[in-house]
C-alpha atoms as a PDB file:
ATOM      1  CA  UNK A   1      22.257  34.307 -19.672  1.00  0.00           C
ATOM      2  CA  UNK A   2      25.805  34.714 -20.970  1.00  0.00           C
ATOM      3  CA  UNK A   3      25.030  32.324 -23.801  1.00  0.00           C
ATOM      4  CA  UNK A   4      22.044  34.403 -24.877  1.00  0.00           C
ATOM      5  CA  UNK A   5      24.046  37.617 -24.623  1.00  0.00           C
ATOM      6  CA  UNK A   6      26.874  36.297 -26.809  1.00  0.00           C
ATOM      7  CA  UNK A   7      24.334  35.431 -29.495  1.00  0.00           C
ATOM      8  CA  UNK A   8      23.179  39.061 -29.728  1.00  0.00           C
ATOM      9  CA  UNK A   9      23.384  40.265 -33.278  1.00  0.00           C
ATOM     10  CA  UNK A  10      23.592  36.748 -34.707  1.00  0.00           C
ATOM     11  CA  UNK A  11      20.772  37.541 -37.133  1.00  0.00           C
ATOM     12  CA  UNK A  12      22.594  40.560 -38.545  1.00  0.00           C
ATOM     13  CA  UNK A  13      24.695  40.341 -41.718  1.00  0.00           C
ATOM     14  CA  UNK A  14      28.392  39.617 -41.122  1.00  0.00           C
ATOM     15  CA  UNK A  15      29.895  43.126 -41.232  1.00  0.00           C
ATOM     16  CA  UNK A  16      27.260  44.841 -39.033  1.00  0.00           C
ATOM     17  CA  UNK A  17      27.487  41.875 -36.637  1.00  0.00           C
ATOM     18  CA  UNK A  18      31.253  42.344 -36.311  1.00  0.00           C
ATOM     19  CA  UNK A  19      30.884  46.090 -35.795  1.00  0.00           C
ATOM     20  CA  UNK A  20      28.136  45.508 -33.209  1.00  0.00           C
ATOM     21  CA  UNK A  21      30.151  42.915 -31.283  1.00  0.00           C
ATOM     22  CA  UNK A  22      33.341  44.992 -31.365  1.00  0.00           C
ATOM     23  CA  UNK A  23      31.474  48.076 -30.164  1.00  0.00           C
ATOM     24  CA  UNK A  24      29.691  46.189 -27.390  1.00  0.00           C
ATOM     25  CA  UNK A  25      32.926  44.467 -26.372  1.00  0.00           C
ATOM     26  CA  UNK A  26      34.755  47.771 -26.071  1.00  0.00           C
ATOM     27  CA  UNK A  27      31.858  49.335 -24.146  1.00  0.00           C
ATOM     28  CA  UNK A  28      31.791  46.401 -21.720  1.00  0.00           C
ATOM     29  CA  UNK A  29      35.542  46.499 -21.229  1.00  0.00           C
ATOM     30  CA  UNK A  30      35.407  50.226 -20.452  1.00  0.00           C
ATOM     31  CA  UNK A  31      32.509  49.546 -18.074  1.00  0.00           C
ATOM     32  CA  UNK A  32      34.583  46.835 -16.415  1.00  0.00           C
ATOM     33  CA  UNK A  33      37.345  49.340 -15.794  1.00  0.00           C
ATOM     34  CA  UNK A  34      34.801  51.493 -13.944  1.00  0.00           C
ATOM     35  CA  UNK A  35      34.174  48.651 -11.478  1.00  0.00           C
ATOM     36  CA  UNK A  36      33.800  50.997  -8.522  1.00  0.00           C
ATOM     37  CA  UNK A  37      30.495  52.413  -9.805  1.00  0.00           C
ATOM     38  CA  UNK A  38      27.323  50.693  -8.511  1.00  0.00           C
ATOM     39  CA  UNK A  39      25.861  49.168 -11.712  1.00  0.00           C
ATOM     40  CA  UNK A  40      29.118  48.631 -13.533  1.00  0.00           C
ATOM     41  CA  UNK A  41      31.472  45.970 -12.311  1.00  0.00           C
ATOM     42  CA  UNK A  42      34.292  43.608 -13.018  1.00  0.00           C
ATOM     43  CA  UNK A  43      31.766  41.160 -14.504  1.00  0.00           C
ATOM     44  CA  UNK A  44      31.710  43.366 -17.597  1.00  0.00           C
ATOM     45  CA  UNK A  45      35.410  42.873 -18.370  1.00  0.00           C
ATOM     46  CA  UNK A  46      35.349  39.143 -19.236  1.00  0.00           C
ATOM     47  CA  UNK A  47      32.078  39.604 -21.112  1.00  0.00           C
ATOM     48  CA  UNK A  48      33.685  42.336 -23.221  1.00  0.00           C
ATOM     49  CA  UNK A  49      36.678  40.110 -23.923  1.00  0.00           C
ATOM     50  CA  UNK A  50      34.332  37.306 -25.025  1.00  0.00           C
ATOM     51  CA  UNK A  51      32.418  39.697 -27.297  1.00  0.00           C
ATOM     52  CA  UNK A  52      35.633  40.820 -28.977  1.00  0.00           C
ATOM     53  CA  UNK A  53      36.825  37.216 -29.166  1.00  0.00           C
ATOM     54  CA  UNK A  54      33.681  36.351 -31.125  1.00  0.00           C
ATOM     55  CA  UNK A  55      34.987  38.609 -33.935  1.00  0.00           C
ATOM     56  CA  UNK A  56      38.219  36.629 -34.393  1.00  0.00           C
ATOM     57  CA  UNK A  57      37.653  33.363 -36.315  1.00  0.00           C
ATOM     58  CA  UNK A  58      40.120  31.281 -34.265  1.00  0.00           C
ATOM     59  CA  UNK A  59      38.567  32.328 -30.975  1.00  0.00           C
ATOM     60  CA  UNK A  60      35.036  32.252 -32.412  1.00  0.00           C
ATOM     61  CA  UNK A  61      35.277  28.494 -32.988  1.00  0.00           C
ATOM     62  CA  UNK A  62      36.728  27.883 -29.519  1.00  0.00           C
ATOM     63  CA  UNK A  63      34.076  30.040 -27.839  1.00  0.00           C
ATOM     64  CA  UNK A  64      31.311  28.253 -29.771  1.00  0.00           C
ATOM     65  CA  UNK A  65      32.618  24.839 -28.678  1.00  0.00           C
ATOM     66  CA  UNK A  66      32.826  26.077 -25.084  1.00  0.00           C
ATOM     67  CA  UNK A  67      29.286  27.492 -25.297  1.00  0.00           C
ATOM     68  CA  UNK A  68      27.970  24.207 -26.714  1.00  0.00           C
ATOM     69  CA  UNK A  69      29.605  22.213 -23.889  1.00  0.00           C
ATOM     70  CA  UNK A  70      28.301  24.659 -21.283  1.00  0.00           C
ATOM     71  CA  UNK A  71      24.779  24.499 -22.720  1.00  0.00           C
ATOM     72  CA  UNK A  72      24.853  20.682 -22.650  1.00  0.00           C
ATOM     73  CA  UNK A  73      26.102  20.675 -19.042  1.00  0.00           C
ATOM     74  CA  UNK A  74      23.349  23.085 -17.999  1.00  0.00           C
ATOM     75  CA  UNK A  75      20.684  20.947 -19.686  1.00  0.00           C
ATOM     76  CA  UNK A  76      22.063  17.777 -18.083  1.00  0.00           C
ATOM     77  CA  UNK A  77      22.078  19.436 -14.653  1.00  0.00           C
ATOM     78  CA  UNK A  78      18.485  20.597 -15.144  1.00  0.00           C
ATOM     79  CA  UNK A  79      17.439  17.077 -16.174  1.00  0.00           C
ATOM     80  CA  UNK A  80      19.179  15.570 -13.146  1.00  0.00           C
ATOM     81  CA  UNK A  81      17.560  18.130 -10.871  1.00  0.00           C
ATOM     82  CA  UNK A  82      14.122  17.407 -12.320  1.00  0.00           C
ATOM     83  CA  UNK A  83      14.662  13.655 -11.953  1.00  0.00           C
ATOM     84  CA  UNK A  84      15.839  13.924  -8.359  1.00  0.00           C
ATOM     85  CA  UNK A  85      12.887  16.016  -7.155  1.00  0.00           C
ATOM     86  CA  UNK A  86      10.407  13.921  -5.204  1.00  0.00           C
ATOM     87  CA  UNK A  87       6.991  13.753  -6.791  1.00  0.00           C
ATOM     88  CA  UNK A  88       4.135  15.001  -4.616  1.00  0.00           C
END
């Protein structure tokens, strides 16, 4: 789910995409600071940091590599789980 969320706005042109990600990152970081409210929580803080990190080229490449590795690990785990299930 995090991988899909970080790809939000990927179809937008570059400048609106940066503005969108910066805005969403700031909103999520503010929401993370309001962790005591029921819907908001500390989970929003790292997500906001990742969204802002996607706007900085150095961190963008590192986040993309991390996302690619995470996606491959998830797919491998799903394949292993499907292979280990007994057939009925």
